[in-house]
């Protein structure tokens, strides 16, 4: 096993650093294809969210791959410019890390709702691009299972379940939301969550749309809409603006706020950032971004975290059991072939009848799988190789 992981997350890098490693879905696809084509790399999975970018590699045994160089190559970043923001882990540590990520233990919002889907999506993209292998496939499948179990079996004390929730809780606590005029830029998942919750709390919400197609755009109930290109016209009338898009350009620029002479709260939930950072410090303007919303909830959930770690340990054990079988697969296949030949040698089978032999082969293989399953924890390549040797020797015994 040779699993390597490199991570850039909200703990190791501020938003200015993280946004350099933000990948769109199409860029993720391109990146995993390129990385899989790298010599000695068997598989690659890339997770890219607003708070983390993580590259997982399955490599040839005993080869040395620099995951930082691969990640920086795909992000078009010189890794020498920011050497201290990378976190690298190997094998058992990398396995534990992805389990913790899937359970939300490494999220800015403890046990957030979206991370399981993000982990599953990363694995799915790698699968679609034929960039993964059986080791990463199994690891990410068990990580997603681990996250689901943690979500359903462990109760975390009341905390916001997403960055959008966290932002709205902050706005409500500090400024109040009811009857406030709020512009939400972006009608993706994050934008819709914000809009819906703001309406529930009594805000007057306007949502931007780049285009409107009936039955295609889902606008949360109770929201007004405005074309994206007309957003600047209504900014002076707003109390708050929340931006959550995947735009490669700023959705709010410094020039748009030249005539602002009333208090305006700006909340940027995007990575890369939607709101021009030069706006910060301008008169009447208060700015927040994802890093501003970071909030530790660990102290209130010590017992819950302990239970989640127990679930993680169980899923890690499942992975290592699977990997043990995976290591033994070539020996198991050899044993199946030997036994199939021995059994068929004692039966009156017409070998030209492919169907008869196929039925026999399936029956033998299934029986062996059932037998080996009962001792799977004790299986080793050496044990199986010796078993195959003994069977081969007996097959040649003419007594």
Protein backbone atom coordinates (compact mmCIF):
# COMPACT_ATOMS: atom_id res chain seq x y z
CA UNK A 1 0.00 0.00 0.00
CA UNK A 2 1.32 3.41 -0.93
CA UNK A 3 -1.32 6.10 -0.31
CA UNK A 4 -0.23 9.74 -0.24
CA UNK A 5 -2.33 12.80 0.57
CA UNK A 6 -1.58 16.51 0.35
CA UNK A 7 -3.95 19.08 1.78
CA UNK A 8 -4.37 22.85 1.80
CA UNK A 9 -7.15 23.80 4.21
CA UNK A 10 -8.49 26.63 6.34
CA UNK A 11 -6.15 25.70 9.20
CA UNK A 12 -2.98 25.78 7.12
CA UNK A 13 -3.76 28.67 4.76
CA UNK A 14 -5.78 31.86 4.79
CA UNK A 15 -8.33 32.41 2.07
CA UNK A 16 -5.77 34.26 -0.10
CA UNK A 17 -3.72 31.05 -0.22
CA UNK A 18 -6.61 28.60 -0.52
CA UNK A 19 -8.19 30.35 -3.48
CA UNK A 20 -5.06 29.66 -5.53
CA UNK A 21 -5.90 25.96 -5.19
CA UNK A 22 -9.61 26.21 -5.94
CA UNK A 23 -10.71 23.92 -8.78
CA UNK A 24 -13.96 24.05 -10.72
CA UNK A 25 -15.59 20.69 -11.53
CA UNK A 26 -14.13 20.73 -15.04
CA UNK A 27 -10.69 21.56 -13.66
CA UNK A 28 -10.97 18.68 -11.18
CA UNK A 29 -11.71 16.34 -14.09
CA UNK A 30 -8.73 17.62 -16.05
CA UNK A 31 -6.45 17.44 -13.02
CA UNK A 32 -7.21 13.82 -12.07
CA UNK A 33 -6.77 12.74 -15.71
CA UNK A 34 -3.39 14.45 -15.88
CA UNK A 35 -2.24 13.10 -12.52
CA UNK A 36 -3.36 9.55 -13.33
CA UNK A 37 -1.20 9.73 -16.45
CA UNK A 38 1.86 10.47 -14.28
CA UNK A 39 4.30 7.53 -14.14
CA UNK A 40 3.96 5.38 -10.98
CA UNK A 41 0.54 6.84 -10.08
CA UNK A 42 -2.21 4.18 -10.00
CA UNK A 43 -5.07 6.42 -8.96
CA UNK A 44 -5.96 9.98 -7.98
CA UNK A 45 -8.91 11.66 -6.26
CA UNK A 46 -9.13 15.44 -5.82
CA UNK A 47 -11.44 17.12 -3.30
CA UNK A 48 -11.93 20.86 -3.81
CA UNK A 49 -14.28 22.81 -1.53
CA UNK A 50 -14.35 26.33 -0.15
CA UNK A 51 -12.32 25.27 2.89
CA UNK A 52 -9.98 22.62 1.53
CA UNK A 53 -8.26 21.20 -1.50
CA UNK A 54 -6.92 17.68 -1.03
CA UNK A 55 -5.21 15.33 -3.45
CA UNK A 56 -5.17 11.60 -2.68
CA UNK A 57 -2.82 9.33 -4.61
CA UNK A 58 -2.44 5.57 -4.84
CA UNK A 59 1.07 4.89 -6.09
CA UNK A 60 3.29 1.99 -7.07
CA UNK A 61 4.91 0.31 -4.07
CA UNK A 62 8.10 1.89 -2.74
CA UNK A 63 8.03 4.75 -5.23
CA UNK A 64 8.48 8.32 -4.07
CA UNK A 65 5.97 10.80 -5.47
CA UNK A 66 5.92 14.46 -4.48
CA UNK A 67 2.18 15.22 -4.16
CA UNK A 68 2.84 18.93 -3.61
CA UNK A 69 4.46 19.26 -7.03
CA UNK A 70 1.55 17.46 -8.70
CA UNK A 71 -1.07 19.60 -6.97
CA UNK A 72 0.80 22.82 -7.73
CA UNK A 73 1.30 21.78 -11.34
CA UNK A 74 -2.45 21.38 -11.82
CA UNK A 75 -3.22 24.61 -9.93
CA UNK A 76 -0.54 26.46 -11.93
CA UNK A 77 1.16 27.59 -8.72
CA UNK A 78 4.87 27.64 -7.87
CA UNK A 79 5.09 25.51 -4.72
CA UNK A 80 8.23 27.36 -3.64
CA UNK A 81 6.17 30.54 -3.21
CA UNK A 82 4.18 29.11 -0.29
CA UNK A 83 6.06 26.15 1.20
CA UNK A 84 4.41 26.21 4.63
CA UNK A 85 0.75 25.69 3.73
CA UNK A 86 0.87 22.02 2.70
CA UNK A 87 -0.02 19.11 4.93
CA UNK A 88 1.23 15.71 3.68
CA UNK A 89 0.20 12.32 5.07
CA UNK A 90 0.96 8.74 4.14
CA UNK A 91 -0.85 5.40 4.34
CA UNK A 92 -2.53 4.94 7.77
CA UNK A 93 -2.44 8.68 8.47
CA UNK A 94 -3.93 9.48 5.06
CA UNK A 95 -6.64 6.86 5.58
CA UNK A 96 -7.55 8.31 8.97
CA UNK A 97 -7.55 11.81 7.49
CA UNK A 98 -10.11 11.11 4.76
CA UNK A 99 -12.34 9.34 7.31
CA UNK A 100 -12.21 12.41 9.57
CA UNK A 101 -12.89 14.68 6.60
CA UNK A 102 -15.97 12.65 5.61
CA UNK A 103 -17.27 12.80 9.18
CA UNK A 104 -16.87 16.58 9.32
CA UNK A 105 -14.25 16.51 12.07
CA UNK A 106 -11.88 18.57 9.92
CA UNK A 107 -14.49 21.01 8.66
CA UNK A 108 -14.73 24.64 9.70
CA UNK A 109 -18.31 23.84 10.72
CA UNK A 110 -18.17 20.73 12.88
CA UNK A 111 -20.01 17.80 11.22
CA UNK A 112 -21.32 20.02 8.42
CA UNK A 113 -23.99 18.67 6.09
CA UNK A 114 -22.26 19.06 2.73
CA UNK A 115 -18.96 17.26 3.24
CA UNK A 116 -20.22 13.69 2.69
CA UNK A 117 -21.63 14.67 -0.70
CA UNK A 118 -18.38 16.46 -1.56
CA UNK A 119 -16.32 13.36 -0.73
CA UNK A 120 -18.64 11.11 -2.78
CA UNK A 121 -18.60 13.56 -5.70
CA UNK A 122 -14.79 13.66 -5.74
CA UNK A 123 -14.64 9.86 -5.95
CA UNK A 124 -17.35 9.78 -8.62
CA UNK A 125 -15.51 12.29 -10.80
CA UNK A 126 -12.29 10.28 -10.52
CA UNK A 127 -14.24 7.13 -11.44
CA UNK A 128 -15.85 8.78 -14.46
CA UNK A 129 -12.45 9.98 -15.65
CA UNK A 130 -10.98 6.48 -15.11
CA UNK A 131 -8.47 8.07 -12.75
CA UNK A 132 -9.04 5.96 -9.65
CA UNK A 133 -8.03 2.41 -8.67
CA UNK A 134 -9.50 -0.27 -6.41
CA UNK A 135 -7.65 1.03 -3.34
CA UNK A 136 -8.96 4.60 -3.59
CA UNK A 137 -12.39 3.34 -4.69
CA UNK A 138 -12.70 1.24 -1.54
CA UNK A 139 -11.20 3.89 0.71
CA UNK A 140 -13.60 6.59 -0.44
CA UNK A 141 -16.60 4.23 -0.36
CA UNK A 142 -15.84 3.38 3.27
CA UNK A 143 -15.15 7.04 4.08
CA UNK A 144 -18.60 8.00 2.76
CA UNK A 145 -20.14 5.15 4.78
CA UNK A 146 -18.25 6.39 7.82
CA UNK A 147 -19.61 9.91 7.34
CA UNK A 148 -23.19 8.63 7.01
CA UNK A 149 -22.90 6.54 10.18
CA UNK A 150 -21.49 9.48 12.13
CA UNK A 151 -24.31 11.68 10.88
CA UNK A 152 -27.08 9.26 11.83
CA UNK A 153 -25.69 7.69 15.00
CA UNK A 154 -24.07 10.63 16.78
CA UNK A 155 -25.92 13.72 17.94
CA UNK A 156 -23.83 16.87 17.80
CA UNK A 157 -24.97 19.73 20.01
CA UNK A 158 -26.77 22.50 18.20
CA UNK A 159 -24.30 24.10 15.83
CA UNK A 160 -24.77 25.51 12.32
CA UNK A 161 -24.63 22.66 9.81
CA UNK A 162 -23.10 24.60 6.92
CA UNK A 163 -21.17 27.77 6.16
CA UNK A 164 -24.44 29.30 4.97
CA UNK A 165 -26.06 28.53 8.34
CA UNK A 166 -23.05 29.95 10.14
CA UNK A 167 -23.23 33.18 8.14
CA UNK A 168 -26.93 33.65 8.82
CA UNK A 169 -26.53 32.90 12.53
CA UNK A 170 -23.78 35.53 12.68
CA UNK A 171 -25.86 38.14 10.85
CA UNK A 172 -28.88 37.48 13.04
CA UNK A 173 -26.88 37.66 16.26
CA UNK A 174 -24.97 40.82 15.35
CA UNK A 175 -27.37 42.83 13.23
CA UNK A 176 -30.79 41.22 13.14
CA UNK A 177 -32.33 39.96 9.90
CA UNK A 178 -36.07 40.59 10.09
CA UNK A 179 -37.25 43.18 7.53
CA UNK A 180 -33.68 43.76 6.32
CA UNK A 181 -33.18 44.14 2.57
CA UNK A 182 -30.70 41.48 1.54
CA UNK A 183 -29.26 40.77 -1.90
CA UNK A 184 -28.07 37.19 -2.47
CA UNK A 185 -25.73 36.89 -5.45
CA UNK A 186 -25.72 33.33 -6.72
CA UNK A 187 -28.50 30.79 -7.02
CA UNK A 188 -26.45 27.63 -6.63
CA UNK A 189 -26.78 25.31 -3.65
CA UNK A 190 -25.14 27.70 -1.19
CA UNK A 191 -27.06 30.71 -2.47
CA UNK A 192 -30.39 28.89 -2.29
CA UNK A 193 -29.71 27.74 1.28
CA UNK A 194 -29.00 31.34 2.28
CA UNK A 195 -32.04 32.74 0.48
CA UNK A 196 -34.44 30.18 1.95
CA UNK A 197 -33.25 30.65 5.51
CA UNK A 198 -33.25 34.44 5.22
CA UNK A 199 -36.87 34.40 4.01
CA UNK A 200 -37.79 32.11 6.92
CA UNK A 201 -36.36 34.71 9.29
CA UNK A 202 -38.39 37.53 7.77
CA UNK A 203 -35.83 39.19 5.49
CA UNK A 204 -36.71 40.95 2.24
CA UNK A 205 -34.57 38.86 -0.14
CA UNK A 206 -33.60 39.52 -3.75
CA UNK A 207 -31.72 36.85 -5.70
CA UNK A 208 -29.61 37.45 -8.82
CA UNK A 209 -30.05 35.23 -11.87
CA UNK A 210 -27.75 35.24 -14.88
CA UNK A 211 -30.57 33.82 -17.05
CA UNK A 212 -34.05 32.68 -16.24
CA UNK A 213 -35.58 29.57 -17.78
CA UNK A 214 -38.89 28.31 -16.49
CA UNK A 215 -38.49 24.90 -14.88
CA UNK A 216 -34.69 25.18 -14.89
CA UNK A 217 -33.99 27.90 -12.32
CA UNK A 218 -35.11 27.05 -8.82
CA UNK A 219 -35.78 30.27 -6.93
CA UNK A 220 -36.53 29.83 -3.22
CA UNK A 221 -40.10 30.69 -2.28
CA UNK A 222 -40.61 34.29 -1.18
CA UNK A 223 -37.60 35.73 -3.02
CA UNK A 224 -37.60 38.47 -5.63
CA UNK A 225 -35.28 38.09 -8.60
CA UNK A 226 -33.12 40.46 -10.59
CA UNK A 227 -30.83 39.84 -13.59
CA UNK A 228 -27.24 39.44 -12.49
CA UNK A 229 -26.09 42.29 -14.75
CA UNK A 230 -28.49 44.70 -13.00
CA UNK A 231 -27.30 44.00 -9.45
CA UNK A 232 -25.33 47.24 -9.19
CA UNK A 233 -28.54 49.30 -9.52
CA UNK A 234 -30.06 47.99 -6.29
CA UNK A 235 -26.92 47.83 -4.13
CA UNK A 236 -27.50 51.31 -2.58
CA UNK A 237 -30.91 50.10 -1.33
CA UNK A 238 -29.56 47.01 0.41
CA UNK A 239 -28.69 46.48 4.08
CA UNK A 240 -26.72 43.31 3.40
CA UNK A 241 -25.24 41.43 0.45
CA UNK A 242 -24.28 37.75 0.48
CA UNK A 243 -22.30 36.43 -2.48
CA UNK A 244 -21.85 32.71 -3.13
CA UNK A 245 -20.92 31.98 -6.74
CA UNK A 246 -18.31 30.08 -8.70
CA UNK A 247 -17.53 33.16 -10.77
CA UNK A 248 -13.91 33.64 -11.89
CA UNK A 249 -14.42 37.41 -11.48
CA UNK A 250 -15.47 39.62 -8.57
CA UNK A 251 -19.24 39.93 -8.25
CA UNK A 252 -18.84 43.08 -6.13
CA UNK A 253 -16.06 45.51 -7.05
CA UNK A 254 -14.78 48.62 -5.34
CA UNK A 255 -16.21 50.83 -8.10
CA UNK A 256 -19.73 49.51 -7.46
CA UNK A 257 -19.68 50.95 -3.94
CA UNK A 258 -18.48 54.49 -4.68
CA UNK A 259 -21.82 56.08 -3.82
CA UNK A 260 -22.54 54.04 -0.69
CA UNK A 261 -23.26 56.36 2.25
CA UNK A 262 -25.23 54.02 4.49
CA UNK A 263 -24.20 50.95 6.49
CA UNK A 264 -23.78 47.89 4.29
CA UNK A 265 -22.80 44.38 5.40
CA UNK A 266 -20.97 42.24 2.82
CA UNK A 267 -20.61 38.47 3.31
CA UNK A 268 -18.42 36.55 0.87
CA UNK A 269 -19.00 32.78 0.98
CA UNK A 270 -17.00 31.97 -2.15
CA UNK A 271 -13.53 30.57 -2.76
CA UNK A 272 -12.03 32.13 -4.85
CA UNK A 273 -13.49 35.28 -3.35
CA UNK A 274 -16.47 37.01 -4.97
CA UNK A 275 -15.99 40.36 -3.26
CA UNK A 276 -12.99 42.56 -4.05
CA UNK A 277 -10.77 42.50 -0.92
CA UNK A 278 -9.84 46.15 -1.53
CA UNK A 279 -13.35 47.08 -0.35
CA UNK A 280 -12.47 46.16 3.22
CA UNK A 281 -11.95 49.27 5.33
CA UNK A 282 -14.15 51.50 3.16
CA UNK A 283 -16.47 53.85 5.05
CA UNK A 284 -19.89 52.39 5.94
CA UNK A 285 -18.83 48.91 4.75
CA UNK A 286 -18.34 45.85 6.99
CA UNK A 287 -16.88 42.78 5.28
CA UNK A 288 -16.92 39.11 6.21
CA UNK A 289 -15.52 36.11 4.38
CA UNK A 290 -15.41 32.39 5.10
CA UNK A 291 -12.42 32.75 7.42
CA UNK A 292 -14.28 35.37 9.47
CA UNK A 293 -16.96 32.77 10.19
CA UNK A 294 -14.62 30.14 11.62
CA UNK A 295 -15.82 29.05 15.00
CA UNK A 296 -14.65 26.17 17.20
CA UNK A 297 -17.39 23.86 18.45
CA UNK A 298 -15.15 21.05 19.71
CA UNK A 299 -15.33 21.93 23.40
CA UNK A 300 -19.11 21.57 23.39
CA UNK A 301 -19.00 18.20 21.66
CA UNK A 302 -16.19 16.21 23.28
CA UNK A 303 -18.33 13.09 23.79
CA UNK A 304 -19.80 13.27 20.29
CA UNK A 305 -16.34 13.54 18.76
CA UNK A 306 -15.20 10.54 20.81
CA UNK A 307 -18.08 8.45 19.44
CA UNK A 308 -17.33 9.57 15.89
CA UNK A 309 -13.70 8.51 16.29
CA UNK A 310 -14.92 5.05 17.37
CA UNK A 311 -16.94 4.81 14.15
CA UNK A 312 -13.87 5.91 12.19
CA UNK A 313 -11.81 3.17 13.82
CA UNK A 314 -14.40 0.55 12.80
CA UNK A 315 -14.34 1.68 9.16
CA UNK A 316 -10.55 1.82 9.13
CA UNK A 317 -10.51 -1.80 10.31
CA UNK A 318 -12.88 -2.70 7.47
CA UNK A 319 -10.52 -1.06 5.01
CA UNK A 320 -7.47 -2.95 6.30
CA UNK A 321 -9.40 -6.25 6.19
CA UNK A 322 -10.33 -5.51 2.59
CA UNK A 323 -6.75 -4.56 1.78
CA UNK A 324 -5.47 -7.81 3.27
CA UNK A 325 -7.78 -9.75 0.93
CA UNK A 326 -6.72 -7.46 -1.93
CA UNK A 327 -3.06 -8.33 -1.30
CA UNK A 328 -3.91 -12.04 -1.35
CA UNK A 329 -6.03 -11.95 -4.49
CA UNK A 330 -3.44 -13.35 -6.89
CA UNK A 331 -2.81 -16.32 -4.56
CA UNK A 332 -6.57 -16.85 -4.12
CA UNK A 333 -7.04 -16.89 -7.89
CA UNK A 334 -4.22 -19.43 -8.19
CA UNK A 335 -5.86 -21.70 -5.59
CA UNK A 336 -9.20 -21.47 -7.40
CA UNK A 337 -7.58 -22.55 -10.66
CA UNK A 338 -5.78 -25.49 -9.02
CA UNK A 339 -8.92 -26.75 -7.26
CA UNK A 340 -11.04 -26.32 -10.39
CA UNK A 341 -8.60 -28.48 -12.35
CA UNK A 342 -8.51 -31.14 -9.63
CA UNK A 343 -12.28 -31.31 -9.32
CA UNK A 344 -12.85 -31.38 -13.07
CA UNK A 345 -10.24 -34.13 -13.42
CA UNK A 346 -12.37 -36.45 -11.32
CA UNK A 347 -15.59 -35.78 -13.20
CA UNK A 348 -16.86 -36.92 -16.55
CA UNK A 349 -17.06 -33.51 -18.20
CA UNK A 350 -17.09 -32.75 -21.86
CA UNK A 351 -14.49 -29.98 -22.01
CA UNK A 352 -15.84 -28.89 -25.35
CA UNK A 353 -19.03 -28.02 -23.51
CA UNK A 354 -18.07 -24.53 -22.33
CA UNK A 355 -21.28 -24.14 -20.36
CA UNK A 356 -20.64 -27.24 -18.22
CA UNK A 357 -17.14 -26.11 -17.35
CA UNK A 358 -18.31 -22.56 -16.65
CA UNK A 359 -20.94 -23.85 -14.19
CA UNK A 360 -18.33 -26.02 -12.44
CA UNK A 361 -15.86 -23.15 -12.28
CA UNK A 362 -18.40 -20.77 -10.74
CA UNK A 363 -19.45 -23.36 -8.15
CA UNK A 364 -15.85 -24.06 -7.12
CA UNK A 365 -14.93 -20.38 -6.93
CA UNK A 366 -17.99 -19.54 -4.85
CA UNK A 367 -17.28 -22.41 -2.44
CA UNK A 368 -13.69 -21.25 -1.99
CA UNK A 369 -14.83 -17.68 -1.34
CA UNK A 370 -17.22 -18.91 1.37
CA UNK A 371 -14.49 -21.02 3.01
CA UNK A 372 -11.87 -18.27 2.94
CA UNK A 373 -14.32 -15.67 4.24
CA UNK A 374 -14.46 -17.48 7.58
CA UNK A 375 -10.69 -17.11 8.03
CA UNK A 376 -10.20 -13.80 6.21
CA UNK A 377 -8.60 -12.11 9.23
CA UNK A 378 -5.86 -14.76 9.29
CA UNK A 379 -5.11 -14.80 5.59
CA UNK A 380 -1.63 -13.84 4.44
CA UNK A 381 0.01 -14.16 1.02
CA UNK A 382 2.51 -16.62 2.52
CA UNK A 383 -0.25 -18.85 3.96
CA UNK A 384 -2.10 -18.95 0.64
CA UNK A 385 1.05 -19.57 -1.39
CA UNK A 386 1.83 -22.55 0.82
CA UNK A 387 -1.76 -23.82 0.43
CA UNK A 388 -1.46 -23.61 -3.33
CA UNK A 389 1.89 -25.41 -3.23
CA UNK A 390 0.49 -28.26 -1.15
CA UNK A 391 -2.49 -28.65 -3.48
CA UNK A 392 -0.27 -28.69 -6.53
CA UNK A 393 1.98 -31.29 -4.94
CA UNK A 394 -0.96 -33.55 -4.06
CA UNK A 395 -2.32 -33.21 -7.57
CA UNK A 396 0.85 -34.84 -8.85
CA UNK A 397 0.77 -37.63 -6.28
CA UNK A 398 0.07 -40.90 -8.17
CA UNK A 399 -0.78 -43.01 -5.09
